[in-house]
Amino acid sequence: MNRMERVRAVLTGRVPDRPPVSFWYHFPGEQVSGKAAIDTHLGHLERFDLDFLKVMNDNGYPRDTGLIEKIDDLKDLQVHGPDAPQFADQLGVIEGLAGPLKGRVLFATTVFNAWAVLRGLLEPPKLRHGPPILVPDQDPRDWRLNDLLKADRRAVGEALQKIGRSLADFARACIEAGADGIFLSVRDDWVDTEQNGPGTYDELVAETDRMILEAAGAGTFNMLHACGKPLNFKRFAEYPNVQVIHWADRASGPSIAEVKDWVKPAIAAGVDNLSTLPRGTPDDVRREVRDALGQAGARPILVTPGCTYDPDTVPEANLRAMVEAVRGSESPRR
């Protein structure tokens, strides 16, 4: 099989010649837009001969004002179209990738959901991005969001709706620009805290997630990334217009074995990006790949880390071991 056939097989529940594999990380600031971003993505794909591409998006969200510090600042948020500079930068990357990849490699482009965007607007734009921190209550942004909810819960909900509409239009434009799908990052352990209230995600955020996925309905490779430690994995697994669900099965759970018999979208998981990749050996990585395939059994899966990895701490030998492990699994999986 070629790369597209291999991934398409998994999306339709068929066993491919071998499991597809991919991994990704945040590129340096000078490589997030323009030709540099296009060349870096293509170079990463070919360097490791990956089966599909997750397009990074560190171009950010359009900022209407300075930092959001008080409830009145939320009223300044506007609904942005795809021509907003940050959106346009990412669409340019997608258009640049579509030419060489269309018909050869499936690629999904990153979209952070409305809550993640609002959370990001509470601080200056980051110059460097890395793997997620799995202890959300230690981040000042979460305290500030709780303060905003206490001040005016309705205003926060209206702000999330504006951001959600902007992201929905952007997601639709991503597909039109040539992406095969979006990689929608969602995270409920930031939201359903004791301070915010356990039903806050369903009350304020879930509708905007669905809005974005509906706008990306023409996509054939929409990936739903359940970031952090999912509190309600089942909710995310039942979202519409999702072909793949991706999560950190090792660091956060649930395990592949726990969900393989009932999750409808294709599964993308298997390797610990926070522990095994940076601190393990190539043999440790190979063992995790074999274990992931063993947990999946007859269920075909996409082999991936649970999220991004830090290129400064992950040995290249461990990344190559992931690729070697899936290639060595051809006979047992057929």
Protein backbone atom coordinates (compact mmCIF):
# COMPACT_ATOMS: atom_id res chain seq x y z
CA MET A 1 0.00 0.00 0.00
CA ASN A 2 1.04 3.61 -0.46
CA ARG A 3 0.67 6.11 2.36
CA MET A 4 -2.82 7.26 1.45
CA GLU A 5 -4.13 3.72 0.96
CA ARG A 6 -2.66 2.68 4.30
CA VAL A 7 -4.34 5.48 6.25
CA ARG A 8 -7.64 5.18 4.35
CA ALA A 9 -7.73 1.49 5.21
CA VAL A 10 -7.61 2.27 8.93
CA LEU A 11 -10.27 4.99 8.57
CA THR A 12 -12.65 2.42 7.09
CA GLY A 13 -11.83 -0.32 9.62
CA ARG A 14 -9.72 -2.42 7.28
CA VAL A 15 -6.33 -3.89 8.22
CA PRO A 16 -3.56 -2.23 6.18
CA ASP A 17 -0.29 -3.82 5.09
CA ARG A 18 1.20 -2.27 8.24
CA PRO A 19 0.03 0.33 10.78
CA PRO A 20 0.40 3.95 9.68
CA VAL A 21 2.72 6.03 11.85
CA SER A 22 3.28 9.74 12.39
CA PHE A 23 4.53 12.21 15.00
CA TRP A 24 4.91 15.98 15.26
CA TYR A 25 6.38 18.86 17.23
CA HIS A 26 6.20 22.66 17.34
CA PHE A 27 8.66 24.19 14.89
CA PRO A 28 10.74 27.28 15.79
CA GLY A 29 9.14 30.71 15.43
CA GLU A 30 10.77 31.46 12.10
CA GLN A 31 9.20 28.31 10.63
CA VAL A 32 5.53 28.79 11.47
CA SER A 33 4.42 30.62 8.32
CA GLY A 34 5.35 31.21 4.70
CA LYS A 35 7.74 29.12 2.64
CA ALA A 36 9.80 28.22 5.71
CA ALA A 37 6.80 26.50 7.31
CA ILE A 38 5.92 24.67 4.10
CA ASP A 39 9.48 23.44 3.57
CA THR A 40 9.84 22.42 7.23
CA HIS A 41 6.63 20.38 7.20
CA LEU A 42 7.59 18.63 3.98
CA GLY A 43 11.11 18.01 5.24
CA HIS A 44 9.83 16.47 8.48
CA LEU A 45 7.42 14.24 6.56
CA GLU A 46 10.08 12.90 4.20
CA ARG A 47 12.90 12.71 6.72
CA PHE A 48 11.03 10.06 8.68
CA ASP A 49 8.85 8.75 5.82
CA LEU A 50 5.69 9.36 7.84
CA ASP A 51 2.32 8.07 6.67
CA PHE A 52 0.31 11.24 7.31
CA LEU A 53 1.02 14.83 8.29
CA LYS A 54 -0.34 16.82 11.20
CA VAL A 55 0.12 20.47 10.23
CA MET A 56 1.22 22.63 13.15
CA ASN A 57 -0.48 25.99 13.74
CA ASP A 58 1.44 28.49 15.83
CA ASN A 59 0.26 31.51 13.87
CA GLY A 60 -2.16 32.31 16.67
CA TYR A 61 -5.63 33.80 16.85
CA PRO A 62 -6.45 37.39 15.81
CA ARG A 63 -6.16 39.71 18.80
CA ASP A 64 -8.67 42.57 18.96
CA THR A 65 -7.12 44.33 21.95
CA GLY A 66 -4.33 43.82 24.43
CA LEU A 67 -4.52 41.10 27.04
CA ILE A 68 -7.92 40.13 28.39
CA GLU A 69 -7.68 41.09 32.04
CA LYS A 70 -11.24 41.94 33.10
CA ILE A 71 -14.76 41.02 32.08
CA ASP A 72 -15.28 44.22 30.04
CA ASP A 73 -12.37 43.21 27.78
CA LEU A 74 -14.46 40.29 26.50
CA LYS A 75 -16.89 42.73 24.90
CA ASP A 76 -14.15 43.91 22.52
CA LEU A 77 -13.82 40.46 20.94
CA GLN A 78 -15.01 40.34 17.34
CA VAL A 79 -15.95 37.53 14.96
CA HIS A 80 -13.05 37.20 12.49
CA GLY A 81 -13.14 35.91 8.94
CA PRO A 82 -10.49 33.74 7.30
CA ASP A 83 -8.81 36.86 5.89
CA ALA A 84 -7.62 37.92 9.36
CA PRO A 85 -3.79 38.02 9.23
CA GLN A 86 -3.11 35.05 11.53
CA PHE A 87 -5.71 32.88 9.81
CA ALA A 88 -4.44 33.95 6.40
CA ASP A 89 -0.89 32.96 7.37
CA GLN A 90 -2.02 29.44 8.25
CA LEU A 91 -4.16 29.16 5.11
CA GLY A 92 -1.09 30.08 3.09
CA VAL A 93 0.78 27.15 4.65
CA ILE A 94 -2.10 24.80 3.82
CA GLU A 95 -2.26 25.99 0.22
CA GLY A 96 1.49 25.52 -0.09
CA LEU A 97 1.29 21.96 1.24
CA ALA A 98 -1.75 20.98 -0.81
CA GLY A 99 0.14 21.15 -4.09
CA PRO A 100 2.87 18.59 -3.33
CA LEU A 101 0.75 16.43 -1.00
CA LYS A 102 -2.69 16.20 -2.65
CA GLY A 103 -3.32 12.63 -3.71
CA ARG A 104 -0.11 11.45 -2.01
CA VAL A 105 -0.37 12.08 1.74
CA LEU A 106 -3.35 12.93 3.93
CA PHE A 107 -2.87 15.98 6.13
CA ALA A 108 -4.93 17.60 8.88
CA THR A 109 -4.30 21.14 10.10
CA THR A 110 -4.43 22.17 13.74
CA VAL A 111 -7.34 24.17 15.16
CA PHE A 112 -7.41 24.94 18.89
CA ASN A 113 -10.92 25.07 20.31
CA ALA A 114 -12.64 28.18 21.68
CA TRP A 115 -11.70 27.66 25.34
CA ALA A 116 -8.02 27.10 24.46
CA VAL A 117 -8.06 30.28 22.36
CA LEU A 118 -9.69 32.35 25.11
CA ARG A 119 -7.18 30.96 27.60
CA GLY A 120 -4.36 31.98 25.26
CA LEU A 121 -5.69 35.54 25.00
CA LEU A 122 -4.99 36.02 28.71
CA GLU A 123 -1.24 36.18 28.08
CA PRO A 124 1.11 37.58 25.41
CA PRO A 125 1.65 35.38 22.34
CA LYS A 126 4.10 32.57 23.04
CA LEU A 127 7.36 32.49 21.11
CA ARG A 128 8.00 28.83 21.92
CA HIS A 129 5.56 25.97 22.30
CA GLY A 130 6.11 22.54 23.77
CA PRO A 131 4.30 19.42 25.00
CA PRO A 132 1.26 19.97 27.24
CA ILE A 133 1.45 20.22 31.00
CA LEU A 134 -0.92 17.72 32.55
CA VAL A 135 -1.54 19.60 35.81
CA PRO A 136 -3.92 22.39 34.76
CA ASP A 137 -4.57 23.98 38.17
CA GLN A 138 -0.99 25.26 38.36
CA ASP A 139 -1.46 27.69 35.45
CA PRO A 140 -2.44 31.31 36.28
CA ARG A 141 -4.59 31.46 33.13
CA ASP A 142 -6.96 28.93 34.65
CA TRP A 143 -7.31 31.03 37.79
CA ARG A 144 -8.04 34.12 35.68
CA LEU A 145 -10.67 32.31 33.65
CA ASN A 146 -12.33 31.23 36.87
CA ASP A 147 -12.35 34.87 37.99
CA LEU A 148 -14.02 35.85 34.70
CA LEU A 149 -16.66 33.15 35.15
CA LYS A 150 -17.39 34.40 38.66
CA ALA A 151 -17.67 37.98 37.40
CA ASP A 152 -20.05 37.25 34.50
CA ARG A 153 -20.61 33.71 33.32
CA ARG A 154 -22.87 34.83 30.48
CA ALA A 155 -20.22 37.20 29.11
CA VAL A 156 -17.69 34.37 29.01
CA GLY A 157 -20.18 32.22 27.12
CA GLU A 158 -20.82 34.98 24.59
CA ALA A 159 -17.08 35.45 24.09
CA LEU A 160 -16.67 31.71 23.47
CA GLN A 161 -19.46 31.84 20.89
CA LYS A 162 -17.70 34.66 19.00
CA ILE A 163 -14.44 32.76 19.03
CA GLY A 164 -16.25 29.57 18.01
CA ARG A 165 -17.85 31.26 15.00
CA SER A 166 -14.47 32.62 13.94
CA LEU A 167 -12.88 29.18 14.26
CA ALA A 168 -15.75 27.56 12.36
CA ASP A 169 -15.25 29.90 9.40
CA PHE A 170 -11.51 29.28 9.61
CA ALA A 171 -11.98 25.49 9.70
CA ARG A 172 -14.19 25.63 6.62
CA ALA A 173 -11.55 27.74 4.85
CA CYS A 174 -8.85 25.20 5.79
CA ILE A 175 -10.69 22.44 3.94
CA GLU A 176 -11.32 24.72 0.98
CA ALA A 177 -7.59 25.59 0.93
CA GLY A 178 -6.70 21.92 0.47
CA ALA A 179 -6.44 20.31 3.90
CA ASP A 180 -7.94 16.82 4.11
CA GLY A 181 -9.25 17.66 7.55
CA ILE A 182 -8.70 19.59 10.76
CA PHE A 183 -6.95 18.45 13.92
CA LEU A 184 -9.26 19.94 16.55
CA SER A 185 -7.61 20.15 19.96
CA VAL A 186 -10.06 20.00 22.89
CA ARG A 187 -9.41 19.74 26.61
CA ASP A 188 -12.00 19.41 29.36
CA ASP A 189 -9.77 19.12 32.45
CA TRP A 190 -9.04 22.85 32.06
CA VAL A 191 -12.76 23.53 32.22
CA ASP A 192 -14.69 21.11 34.43
CA THR A 193 -12.84 22.01 37.60
CA GLU A 194 -14.26 22.24 41.10
CA GLN A 195 -13.93 26.02 40.90
CA ASN A 196 -15.67 26.41 37.51
CA GLY A 197 -18.28 23.75 38.13
CA PRO A 198 -18.32 20.15 36.80
CA GLY A 199 -20.79 20.87 33.98
CA THR A 200 -19.02 23.91 32.56
CA TYR A 201 -17.73 22.18 29.44
CA ASP A 202 -21.16 21.04 28.28
CA GLU A 203 -22.65 24.39 29.27
CA LEU A 204 -20.20 26.70 27.51
CA VAL A 205 -17.71 24.85 25.29
CA ALA A 206 -19.13 21.70 23.68
CA GLU A 207 -21.46 23.62 21.36
CA THR A 208 -18.53 25.59 19.93
CA ASP A 209 -16.58 22.35 19.37
CA ARG A 210 -19.49 20.96 17.36
CA MET A 211 -19.81 24.23 15.47
CA ILE A 212 -16.20 23.93 14.31
CA LEU A 213 -16.58 20.27 13.36
CA GLU A 214 -19.77 20.98 11.44
CA ALA A 215 -17.95 23.66 9.46
CA ALA A 216 -15.23 21.10 8.68
CA GLY A 217 -17.85 18.58 7.55
CA ALA A 218 -16.38 18.33 4.05
CA GLY A 219 -13.13 17.02 5.56
CA THR A 220 -12.37 13.33 5.17
CA PHE A 221 -9.52 13.24 7.72
CA ASN A 222 -10.81 15.20 10.70
CA MET A 223 -8.88 14.30 13.84
CA LEU A 224 -10.22 15.06 17.32
CA HIS A 225 -7.36 15.46 19.81
CA ALA A 226 -8.49 14.95 23.42
CA CYS A 227 -5.65 16.80 25.10
CA GLY A 228 -4.67 16.66 28.76
CA LYS A 229 -6.42 14.13 30.99
CA PRO A 230 -9.92 13.68 29.50
CA LEU A 231 -12.65 13.73 32.12
CA ASN A 232 -15.35 12.64 29.67
CA PHE A 233 -13.65 10.73 26.87
CA LYS A 234 -16.97 9.26 25.74
CA ARG A 235 -18.34 12.73 24.93
CA PHE A 236 -15.40 13.45 22.65
CA ALA A 237 -15.55 9.99 21.05
CA GLU A 238 -19.15 10.68 20.05
CA TYR A 239 -18.53 14.07 18.41
CA PRO A 240 -19.82 14.27 14.80
CA ASN A 241 -17.71 14.64 11.65
CA VAL A 242 -14.66 13.01 13.26
CA GLN A 243 -12.75 10.30 11.43
CA VAL A 244 -9.97 9.84 14.02
CA ILE A 245 -9.78 10.30 17.78
CA HIS A 246 -6.31 10.92 19.17
CA TRP A 247 -5.25 11.07 22.82
CA ALA A 248 -2.43 10.33 25.28
CA ASP A 249 -3.36 6.78 26.20
CA ARG A 250 -0.14 6.27 28.19
CA ALA A 251 0.07 9.48 30.20
CA SER A 252 -3.63 10.17 30.63
CA GLY A 253 -5.78 7.20 29.66
CA PRO A 254 -8.04 5.53 28.85
CA SER A 255 -5.99 2.69 27.44
CA ILE A 256 -6.42 1.46 23.89
CA ALA A 257 -7.74 -1.84 25.25
CA GLU A 258 -10.48 -0.03 27.20
CA VAL A 259 -11.94 1.75 24.18
CA LYS A 260 -11.13 -0.33 21.11
CA ASP A 261 -14.42 -2.23 21.10
CA TRP A 262 -16.78 0.75 21.26
CA VAL A 263 -15.07 3.85 19.86
CA LYS A 264 -16.37 4.46 16.33
CA PRO A 265 -13.72 6.81 14.89
CA ALA A 266 -10.32 5.39 14.02
CA ILE A 267 -7.85 5.31 16.91
CA ALA A 268 -4.55 7.23 17.01
CA ALA A 269 -2.39 6.59 20.08
CA GLY A 270 0.25 4.21 21.42
CA VAL A 271 3.49 5.95 22.50
CA ASP A 272 4.20 8.13 25.55
CA ASN A 273 5.43 11.52 24.33
CA LEU A 274 6.22 12.78 27.85
CA SER A 275 8.22 9.87 29.23
CA THR A 276 9.20 7.11 26.80
CA LEU A 277 10.15 9.29 23.85
CA PRO A 278 12.42 11.69 25.76
CA ARG A 279 13.78 9.34 28.45
CA GLY A 280 13.36 5.82 27.09
CA THR A 281 15.54 3.78 24.76
CA PRO A 282 14.72 2.71 21.20
CA ASP A 283 13.83 -0.71 22.62
CA ASP A 284 11.41 0.94 25.06
CA VAL A 285 9.71 2.69 22.13
CA ARG A 286 9.49 -0.53 20.14
CA ARG A 287 7.94 -2.29 23.14
CA GLU A 288 5.28 0.40 23.46
CA VAL A 289 4.43 0.12 19.77
CA ARG A 290 4.12 -3.66 20.04
CA ASP A 291 2.04 -3.31 23.20
CA ALA A 292 -0.28 -0.78 21.53
CA LEU A 293 -0.85 -3.13 18.61
CA GLY A 294 -1.43 -5.99 21.02
CA GLN A 295 -4.03 -3.97 22.93
CA ALA A 296 -5.77 -3.07 19.67
CA GLY A 297 -5.91 -6.69 18.57
CA ALA A 298 -7.88 -6.95 15.34
CA ARG A 299 -8.74 -3.23 15.47
CA PRO A 300 -6.44 -1.32 13.06
CA ILE A 301 -4.93 1.86 14.53
CA LEU A 302 -2.71 4.81 13.66
CA VAL A 303 0.46 4.67 15.78
CA THR A 304 1.31 8.08 17.24
CA PRO A 305 2.61 9.71 20.40
CA GLY A 306 -0.05 11.10 22.73
CA CYS A 307 0.73 14.69 21.74
CA THR A 308 3.65 16.84 20.62
CA TYR A 309 7.18 16.03 21.70
CA ASP A 310 10.13 18.25 22.57
CA PRO A 311 12.77 17.92 19.83
CA ASP A 312 15.45 19.16 22.22
CA THR A 313 14.96 16.16 24.54
CA VAL A 314 13.81 13.35 22.24
CA PRO A 315 16.63 11.38 20.59
CA GLU A 316 16.16 10.87 16.87
CA ALA A 317 16.87 7.17 17.44
CA ASN A 318 13.63 6.90 19.42
CA LEU A 319 11.61 8.46 16.61
CA ARG A 320 13.16 6.12 14.08
CA ALA A 321 12.43 3.20 16.40
CA MET A 322 8.71 4.06 16.16
CA VAL A 323 8.87 3.86 12.38
CA GLU A 324 10.93 0.67 12.45
CA ALA A 325 8.55 -0.98 14.90
CA VAL A 326 5.48 -0.51 12.73
CA ARG A 327 7.36 -1.65 9.67
CA GLY A 328 8.44 -4.76 11.51
CA SER A 329 4.82 -5.52 12.38
CA GLU A 330 3.70 -6.26 8.83
CA SER A 331 3.43 -10.03 9.06
CA PRO A 332 1.78 -10.35 12.49
CA ARG A 333 -0.92 -7.81 11.59
CA ARG A 334 -1.93 -9.28 8.21
